[in-house]
Amino acid sequence: MAASWEWKSADGWIQYDHKSNKKIAKASKHAKDSVEITLPSGAHYLVDLVNMRQIQKNAPTKTRRVRWNDGSLPRTKTKVGT
């Protein structure tokens, strides 16, 4: 299993799409506090790398946990839609 950024769904941990994963990884590497991403579905999120939360841009009270998985932790799905 490859290392990746993931978000927590009701069913378990799901890997971000490739583009979002790359953007989050770059922000983390450069010690950014947060990064904005747009998922393939068109949904816009702020990923808070300090509090490890994904915040929905059009509904800021809707948040989900995020994590870095070095490949050793179980995941439910490889990406959204699988």
PDB file of N, CA and C in Angstrom:
ATOM      1  N   MET A   1       0.858  -1.179   0.000  1.00  0.00           N
ATOM      2  CA  MET A   1       0.000   0.000   0.000  1.00  0.00           C
ATOM      3  C   MET A   1       0.902   1.239   0.000  1.00  0.00           C
ATOM      4  N   ALA A   2       0.625   2.152  -0.884  1.00  0.00           N
ATOM      5  CA  ALA A   2       1.429   3.371  -1.001  1.00  0.00           C
ATOM      6  C   ALA A   2       1.055   4.395   0.070  1.00  0.00           C
ATOM      7  N   ALA A   3       2.013   5.223   0.425  1.00  0.00           N
ATOM      8  CA  ALA A   3       1.775   6.305   1.385  1.00  0.00           C
ATOM      9  C   ALA A   3       0.853   7.343   0.748  1.00  0.00           C
ATOM     10  N   SER A   4      -0.040   7.927   1.565  1.00  0.00           N
ATOM     11  CA  SER A   4      -0.978   8.913   1.021  1.00  0.00           C
ATOM     12  C   SER A   4      -1.704   9.659   2.142  1.00  0.00           C
ATOM     13  N   TRP A   5      -2.316  10.775   1.768  1.00  0.00           N
ATOM     14  CA  TRP A   5      -3.215  11.511   2.658  1.00  0.00           C
ATOM     15  C   TRP A   5      -4.596  10.911   2.508  1.00  0.00           C
ATOM     16  N   GLU A   6      -5.330  10.841   3.634  1.00  0.00           N
ATOM     17  CA  GLU A   6      -6.655  10.233   3.650  1.00  0.00           C
ATOM     18  C   GLU A   6      -7.619  11.047   4.498  1.00  0.00           C
ATOM     19  N   TRP A   7      -8.898  10.899   4.198  1.00  0.00           N
ATOM     20  CA  TRP A   7      -9.949  11.525   5.003  1.00  0.00           C
ATOM     21  C   TRP A   7     -10.849  10.436   5.558  1.00  0.00           C
ATOM     22  N   LYS A   8     -11.466  10.733   6.715  1.00  0.00           N
ATOM     23  CA  LYS A   8     -12.280   9.759   7.440  1.00  0.00           C
ATOM     24  C   LYS A   8     -13.737   9.869   7.023  1.00  0.00           C
ATOM     25  N   SER A   9     -14.261   8.790   6.475  1.00  0.00           N
ATOM     26  CA  SER A   9     -15.685   8.725   6.137  1.00  0.00           C
ATOM     27  C   SER A   9     -16.381   7.886   7.195  1.00  0.00           C
ATOM     28  N   ALA A  10     -17.676   7.756   7.084  1.00  0.00           N
ATOM     29  CA  ALA A  10     -18.428   6.913   8.017  1.00  0.00           C
ATOM     30  C   ALA A  10     -18.003   5.451   7.883  1.00  0.00           C
ATOM     31  N   ASP A  11     -17.484   5.086   6.700  1.00  0.00           N
ATOM     32  CA  ASP A  11     -17.091   3.698   6.432  1.00  0.00           C
ATOM     33  C   ASP A  11     -15.625   3.408   6.695  1.00  0.00           C
ATOM     34  N   GLY A  12     -14.826   4.427   6.972  1.00  0.00           N
ATOM     35  CA  GLY A  12     -13.401   4.219   7.203  1.00  0.00           C
ATOM     36  C   GLY A  12     -12.571   5.286   6.509  1.00  0.00           C
ATOM     37  N   TRP A  13     -11.287   5.037   6.361  1.00  0.00           N
ATOM     38  CA  TRP A  13     -10.367   6.000   5.761  1.00  0.00           C
ATOM     39  C   TRP A  13     -10.330   5.842   4.256  1.00  0.00           C
ATOM     40  N   ILE A  14     -10.380   6.990   3.554  1.00  0.00           N
ATOM     41  CA  ILE A  14     -10.393   6.993   2.090  1.00  0.00           C
ATOM     42  C   ILE A  14      -9.263   7.889   1.593  1.00  0.00           C
ATOM     43  N   GLN A  15      -8.518   7.373   0.636  1.00  0.00           N
ATOM     44  CA  GLN A  15      -7.404   8.112   0.057  1.00  0.00           C
ATOM     45  C   GLN A  15      -7.915   9.249  -0.826  1.00  0.00           C
ATOM     46  N   TYR A  16      -7.274  10.416  -0.704  1.00  0.00           N
ATOM     47  CA  TYR A  16      -7.591  11.530  -1.608  1.00  0.00           C
ATOM     48  C   TYR A  16      -7.184  11.170  -3.029  1.00  0.00           C
ATOM     49  N   ASP A  17      -7.802  11.821  -4.008  1.00  0.00           N
ATOM     50  CA  ASP A  17      -7.409  11.635  -5.394  1.00  0.00           C
ATOM     51  C   ASP A  17      -5.959  12.106  -5.572  1.00  0.00           C
ATOM     52  N   HIS A  18      -5.338  11.699  -6.655  1.00  0.00           N
ATOM     53  CA  HIS A  18      -3.911  11.960  -6.890  1.00  0.00           C
ATOM     54  C   HIS A  18      -3.566  13.448  -6.824  1.00  0.00           C
ATOM     55  N   LYS A  19      -4.336  14.278  -7.511  1.00  0.00           N
ATOM     56  CA  LYS A  19      -4.051  15.721  -7.554  1.00  0.00           C
ATOM     57  C   LYS A  19      -4.139  16.350  -6.154  1.00  0.00           C
ATOM     58  N   SER A  20      -5.201  16.029  -5.415  1.00  0.00           N
ATOM     59  CA  SER A  20      -5.383  16.570  -4.059  1.00  0.00           C
ATOM     60  C   SER A  20      -4.286  16.062  -3.134  1.00  0.00           C
ATOM     61  N   ASN A  21      -3.960  14.777  -3.257  1.00  0.00           N
ATOM     62  CA  ASN A  21      -2.927  14.177  -2.421  1.00  0.00           C
ATOM     63  C   ASN A  21      -1.597  14.894  -2.624  1.00  0.00           C
ATOM     64  N   LYS A  22      -1.273  15.160  -3.880  1.00  0.00           N
ATOM     65  CA  LYS A  22      -0.023  15.844  -4.213  1.00  0.00           C
ATOM     66  C   LYS A  22       0.003  17.258  -3.629  1.00  0.00           C
ATOM     67  N   LYS A  23      -1.119  17.955  -3.720  1.00  0.00           N
ATOM     68  CA  LYS A  23      -1.206  19.328  -3.209  1.00  0.00           C
ATOM     69  C   LYS A  23      -1.085  19.359  -1.683  1.00  0.00           C
ATOM     70  N   ILE A  24      -1.741  18.425  -0.998  1.00  0.00           N
ATOM     71  CA  ILE A  24      -1.666  18.355   0.467  1.00  0.00           C
ATOM     72  C   ILE A  24      -0.239  17.994   0.894  1.00  0.00           C
ATOM     73  N   ALA A  25       0.359  17.037   0.215  1.00  0.00           N
ATOM     74  CA  ALA A  25       1.727  16.617   0.547  1.00  0.00           C
ATOM     75  C   ALA A  25       2.717  17.769   0.394  1.00  0.00           C
ATOM     76  N   LYS A  26       2.559  18.545  -0.664  1.00  0.00           N
ATOM     77  CA  LYS A  26       3.454  19.696  -0.893  1.00  0.00           C
ATOM     78  C   LYS A  26       3.291  20.724   0.225  1.00  0.00           C
ATOM     79  N   ALA A  27       2.055  21.018   0.602  1.00  0.00           N
ATOM     80  CA  ALA A  27       1.801  21.985   1.679  1.00  0.00           C
ATOM     81  C   ALA A  27       2.391  21.482   2.997  1.00  0.00           C
ATOM     82  N   SER A  28       2.238  20.195   3.269  1.00  0.00           N
ATOM     83  CA  SER A  28       2.778  19.616   4.492  1.00  0.00           C
ATOM     84  C   SER A  28       4.303  19.687   4.497  1.00  0.00           C
ATOM     85  N   LYS A  29       4.908  19.354   3.372  1.00  0.00           N
ATOM     86  CA  LYS A  29       6.367  19.383   3.252  1.00  0.00           C
ATOM     87  C   LYS A  29       6.929  20.781   3.513  1.00  0.00           C
ATOM     88  N   HIS A  30       6.186  21.801   3.093  1.00  0.00           N
ATOM     89  CA  HIS A  30       6.616  23.188   3.265  1.00  0.00           C
ATOM     90  C   HIS A  30       6.078  23.813   4.554  1.00  0.00           C
ATOM     91  N   ALA A  31       5.608  22.962   5.465  1.00  0.00           N
ATOM     92  CA  ALA A  31       5.130  23.366   6.796  1.00  0.00           C
ATOM     93  C   ALA A  31       4.022  24.414   6.745  1.00  0.00           C
ATOM     94  N   LYS A  32       3.139  24.299   5.760  1.00  0.00           N
ATOM     95  CA  LYS A  32       1.980  25.189   5.678  1.00  0.00           C
ATOM     96  C   LYS A  32       0.955  24.760   6.724  1.00  0.00           C
ATOM     97  N   ASP A  33       0.184  25.715   7.241  1.00  0.00           N
ATOM     98  CA  ASP A  33      -0.864  25.407   8.212  1.00  0.00           C
ATOM     99  C   ASP A  33      -2.094  24.782   7.565  1.00  0.00           C
ATOM    100  N   SER A  34      -2.326  25.152   6.288  1.00  0.00           N
ATOM    101  CA  SER A  34      -3.515  24.659   5.594  1.00  0.00           C
ATOM    102  C   SER A  34      -3.310  24.748   4.087  1.00  0.00           C
ATOM    103  N   VAL A  35      -4.203  24.097   3.368  1.00  0.00           N
ATOM    104  CA  VAL A  35      -4.177  24.124   1.909  1.00  0.00           C
ATOM    105  C   VAL A  35      -5.606  23.955   1.403  1.00  0.00           C
ATOM    106  N   GLU A  36      -5.941  24.668   0.334  1.00  0.00           N
ATOM    107  CA  GLU A  36      -7.262  24.521  -0.283  1.00  0.00           C
ATOM    108  C   GLU A  36      -7.165  23.520  -1.421  1.00  0.00           C
ATOM    109  N   ILE A  37      -8.162  22.639  -1.494  1.00  0.00           N
ATOM    110  CA  ILE A  37      -8.215  21.651  -2.568  1.00  0.00           C
ATOM    111  C   ILE A  37      -9.612  21.636  -3.179  1.00  0.00           C
ATOM    112  N   THR A  38      -9.675  21.167  -4.406  1.00  0.00           N
ATOM    113  CA  THR A  38     -10.946  20.941  -5.080  1.00  0.00           C
ATOM    114  C   THR A  38     -10.948  19.489  -5.541  1.00  0.00           C
ATOM    115  N   LEU A  39     -11.899  18.729  -5.067  1.00  0.00           N
ATOM    116  CA  LEU A  39     -11.994  17.322  -5.432  1.00  0.00           C
ATOM    117  C   LEU A  39     -12.531  17.177  -6.849  1.00  0.00           C
ATOM    118  N   PRO A  40     -12.343  16.019  -7.483  1.00  0.00           N
ATOM    119  CA  PRO A  40     -12.884  15.801  -8.835  1.00  0.00           C
ATOM    120  C   PRO A  40     -14.393  16.046  -8.918  1.00  0.00           C
ATOM    121  N   SER A  41     -15.094  15.882  -7.809  1.00  0.00           N
ATOM    122  CA  SER A  41     -16.544  16.119  -7.773  1.00  0.00           C
ATOM    123  C   SER A  41     -16.880  17.608  -7.857  1.00  0.00           C
ATOM    124  N   GLY A  42     -15.852  18.470  -7.671  1.00  0.00           N
ATOM    125  CA  GLY A  42     -16.063  19.912  -7.675  1.00  0.00           C
ATOM    126  C   GLY A  42     -16.202  20.497  -6.280  1.00  0.00           C
ATOM    127  N   ALA A  43     -16.230  19.661  -5.265  1.00  0.00           N
ATOM    128  CA  ALA A  43     -16.337  20.131  -3.878  1.00  0.00           C
ATOM    129  C   ALA A  43     -15.038  20.815  -3.460  1.00  0.00           C
ATOM    130  N   HIS A  44     -15.173  21.935  -2.744  1.00  0.00           N
ATOM    131  CA  HIS A  44     -14.019  22.714  -2.292  1.00  0.00           C
ATOM    132  C   HIS A  44     -13.829  22.525  -0.788  1.00  0.00           C
ATOM    133  N   TYR A  45     -12.570  22.279  -0.406  1.00  0.00           N
ATOM    134  CA  TYR A  45     -12.244  22.048   0.995  1.00  0.00           C
ATOM    135  C   TYR A  45     -10.995  22.813   1.400  1.00  0.00           C
ATOM    136  N   LEU A  46     -10.932  23.115   2.677  1.00  0.00           N
ATOM    137  CA  LEU A  46      -9.712  23.607   3.300  1.00  0.00           C
ATOM    138  C   LEU A  46      -9.203  22.444   4.148  1.00  0.00           C
ATOM    139  N   VAL A  47      -7.963  22.040   3.927  1.00  0.00           N
ATOM    140  CA  VAL A  47      -7.378  20.990   4.744  1.00  0.00           C
ATOM    141  C   VAL A  47      -6.487  21.674   5.775  1.00  0.00           C
ATOM    142  N   ASP A  48      -6.895  21.595   7.025  1.00  0.00           N
ATOM    143  CA  ASP A  48      -6.191  22.193   8.150  1.00  0.00           C
ATOM    144  C   ASP A  48      -5.143  21.190   8.618  1.00  0.00           C
ATOM    145  N   LEU A  49      -3.874  21.480   8.327  1.00  0.00           N
ATOM    146  CA  LEU A  49      -2.792  20.556   8.649  1.00  0.00           C
ATOM    147  C   LEU A  49      -2.316  20.669  10.085  1.00  0.00           C
ATOM    148  N   VAL A  50      -2.792  21.669  10.804  1.00  0.00           N
ATOM    149  CA  VAL A  50      -2.465  21.814  12.228  1.00  0.00           C
ATOM    150  C   VAL A  50      -3.396  20.927  13.052  1.00  0.00           C
ATOM    151  N   ASN A  51      -4.701  21.058  12.785  1.00  0.00           N
ATOM    152  CA  ASN A  51      -5.708  20.296  13.528  1.00  0.00           C
ATOM    153  C   ASN A  51      -6.120  19.005  12.834  1.00  0.00           C
ATOM    154  N   MET A  52      -5.521  18.748  11.666  1.00  0.00           N
ATOM    155  CA  MET A  52      -5.783  17.536  10.891  1.00  0.00           C
ATOM    156  C   MET A  52      -7.281  17.350  10.632  1.00  0.00           C
ATOM    157  N   ARG A  53      -7.871  18.398  10.023  1.00  0.00           N
ATOM    158  CA  ARG A  53      -9.294  18.400   9.694  1.00  0.00           C
ATOM    159  C   ARG A  53      -9.486  18.855   8.246  1.00  0.00           C
ATOM    160  N   GLN A  54     -10.483  18.315   7.605  1.00  0.00           N
ATOM    161  CA  GLN A  54     -10.932  18.760   6.285  1.00  0.00           C
ATOM    162  C   GLN A  54     -12.200  19.566   6.529  1.00  0.00           C
ATOM    163  N   ILE A  55     -12.237  20.798   6.041  1.00  0.00           N
ATOM    164  CA  ILE A  55     -13.365  21.693   6.283  1.00  0.00           C
ATOM    165  C   ILE A  55     -14.029  22.015   4.952  1.00  0.00           C
ATOM    166  N   GLN A  56     -15.321  21.777   4.864  1.00  0.00           N
ATOM    167  CA  GLN A  56     -16.068  22.058   3.645  1.00  0.00           C
ATOM    168  C   GLN A  56     -16.209  23.571   3.498  1.00  0.00           C
ATOM    169  N   LYS A  57     -15.776  24.115   2.368  1.00  0.00           N
ATOM    170  CA  LYS A  57     -15.732  25.567   2.174  1.00  0.00           C
ATOM    171  C   LYS A  57     -17.121  26.213   2.221  1.00  0.00           C
ATOM    172  N   ASN A  58     -18.147  25.571   1.675  1.00  0.00           N
ATOM    173  CA  ASN A  58     -19.475  26.185   1.655  1.00  0.00           C
ATOM    174  C   ASN A  58     -20.308  25.827   2.884  1.00  0.00           C
ATOM    175  N   ALA A  59     -19.746  25.017   3.783  1.00  0.00           N
ATOM    176  CA  ALA A  59     -20.427  24.639   5.034  1.00  0.00           C
ATOM    177  C   ALA A  59     -19.353  24.385   6.084  1.00  0.00           C
ATOM    178  N   PRO A  60     -18.737  25.447   6.620  1.00  0.00           N
ATOM    179  CA  PRO A  60     -17.583  25.299   7.507  1.00  0.00           C
ATOM    180  C   PRO A  60     -17.804  24.502   8.791  1.00  0.00           C
ATOM    181  N   THR A  61     -19.065  24.237   9.133  1.00  0.00           N
ATOM    182  CA  THR A  61     -19.296  23.411  10.319  1.00  0.00           C
ATOM    183  C   THR A  61     -19.149  21.924   9.985  1.00  0.00           C
ATOM    184  N   LYS A  62     -19.087  21.592   8.701  1.00  0.00           N
ATOM    185  CA  LYS A  62     -18.913  20.197   8.288  1.00  0.00           C
ATOM    186  C   LYS A  62     -17.423  19.915   8.142  1.00  0.00           C
ATOM    187  N   THR A  63     -16.921  19.098   9.044  1.00  0.00           N
ATOM    188  CA  THR A  63     -15.502  18.762   9.016  1.00  0.00           C
ATOM    189  C   THR A  63     -15.324  17.246   9.104  1.00  0.00           C
ATOM    190  N   ARG A  64     -14.169  16.801   8.665  1.00  0.00           N
ATOM    191  CA  ARG A  64     -13.789  15.389   8.780  1.00  0.00           C
ATOM    192  C   ARG A  64     -12.329  15.328   9.197  1.00  0.00           C
ATOM    193  N   ARG A  65     -11.954  14.263   9.825  1.00  0.00           N
ATOM    194  CA  ARG A  65     -10.561  14.053  10.194  1.00  0.00           C
ATOM    195  C   ARG A  65      -9.746  13.708   8.948  1.00  0.00           C
ATOM    196  N   VAL A  66      -8.482  14.075   8.951  1.00  0.00           N
ATOM    197  CA  VAL A  66      -7.548  13.677   7.903  1.00  0.00           C
ATOM    198  C   VAL A  66      -6.308  13.085   8.567  1.00  0.00           C
ATOM    199  N   ARG A  67      -5.570  12.307   7.814  1.00  0.00           N
ATOM    200  CA  ARG A  67      -4.335  11.726   8.335  1.00  0.00           C
ATOM    201  C   ARG A  67      -3.369  11.444   7.196  1.00  0.00           C
ATOM    202  N   TRP A  68      -2.103  11.318   7.559  1.00  0.00           N
ATOM    203  CA  TRP A  68      -1.062  10.841   6.662  1.00  0.00           C
ATOM    204  C   TRP A  68      -0.902   9.357   6.956  1.00  0.00           C
ATOM    205  N   ASN A  69      -1.028   8.538   5.939  1.00  0.00           N
ATOM    206  CA  ASN A  69      -0.870   7.103   6.095  1.00  0.00           C
ATOM    207  C   ASN A  69       0.402   6.697   5.363  1.00  0.00           C
ATOM    208  N   ASP A  70       1.388   6.266   6.112  1.00  0.00           N
ATOM    209  CA  ASP A  70       2.664   5.875   5.507  1.00  0.00           C
ATOM    210  C   ASP A  70       2.590   4.519   4.810  1.00  0.00           C
ATOM    211  N   GLY A  71       1.402   3.943   4.770  1.00  0.00           N
ATOM    212  CA  GLY A  71       1.191   2.655   4.124  1.00  0.00           C
ATOM    213  C   GLY A  71       1.015   1.519   5.118  1.00  0.00           C
ATOM    214  N   SER A  72       1.227   1.801   6.399  1.00  0.00           N
ATOM    215  CA  SER A  72       1.132   0.745   7.407  1.00  0.00           C
ATOM    216  C   SER A  72      -0.250   0.665   8.064  1.00  0.00           C
ATOM    217  N   LEU A  73      -1.100   1.683   7.841  1.00  0.00           N
ATOM    218  CA  LEU A  73      -2.422   1.716   8.474  1.00  0.00           C
ATOM    219  C   LEU A  73      -3.486   1.197   7.515  1.00  0.00           C
ATOM    220  N   PRO A  74      -4.516   0.508   8.030  1.00  0.00           N
ATOM    221  CA  PRO A  74      -5.573   0.011   7.139  1.00  0.00           C
ATOM    222  C   PRO A  74      -6.403   1.146   6.557  1.00  0.00           C
ATOM    223  N   ARG A  75      -6.924   0.924   5.392  1.00  0.00           N
ATOM    224  CA  ARG A  75      -7.781   1.904   4.726  1.00  0.00           C
ATOM    225  C   ARG A  75      -8.981   1.146   4.183  1.00  0.00           C
ATOM    226  N   THR A  76     -10.105   1.812   4.072  1.00  0.00           N
ATOM    227  CA  THR A  76     -11.323   1.156   3.600  1.00  0.00           C
ATOM    228  C   THR A  76     -11.396   1.128   2.084  1.00  0.00           C
ATOM    229  N   LYS A  77     -11.129   2.263   1.453  1.00  0.00           N
ATOM    230  CA  LYS A  77     -11.186   2.374   0.000  1.00  0.00           C
ATOM    231  C   LYS A  77      -9.931   3.077  -0.484  1.00  0.00           C
ATOM    232  N   THR A  78      -9.549   2.839  -1.736  1.00  0.00           N
ATOM    233  CA  THR A  78      -8.362   3.494  -2.252  1.00  0.00           C
ATOM    234  C   THR A  78      -8.648   4.934  -2.647  1.00  0.00           C
ATOM    235  N   LYS A  79      -9.877   5.227  -3.090  1.00  0.00           N
ATOM    236  CA  LYS A  79     -10.255   6.592  -3.427  1.00  0.00           C
ATOM    237  C   LYS A  79     -11.773   6.671  -3.542  1.00  0.00           C
ATOM    238  N   VAL A  80     -12.292   7.876  -3.587  1.00  0.00           N
ATOM    239  CA  VAL A  80     -13.723   8.078  -3.718  1.00  0.00           C
ATOM    240  C   VAL A  80     -14.206   7.427  -5.008  1.00  0.00           C
ATOM    241  N   GLY A  81     -15.320   6.745  -4.934  1.00  0.00           N
ATOM    242  CA  GLY A  81     -15.912   6.139  -6.118  1.00  0.00           C
ATOM    243  C   GLY A  81     -15.482   4.697  -6.353  1.00  0.00           C
ATOM    244  N   THR A  82     -14.661   4.127  -5.478  1.00  0.00           N
ATOM    245  CA  THR A  82     -14.248   2.743  -5.674  1.00  0.00           C
ATOM    246  C   THR A  82     -14.966   1.845  -4.711  1.00  0.00           C
TER     247      THR A  82
END
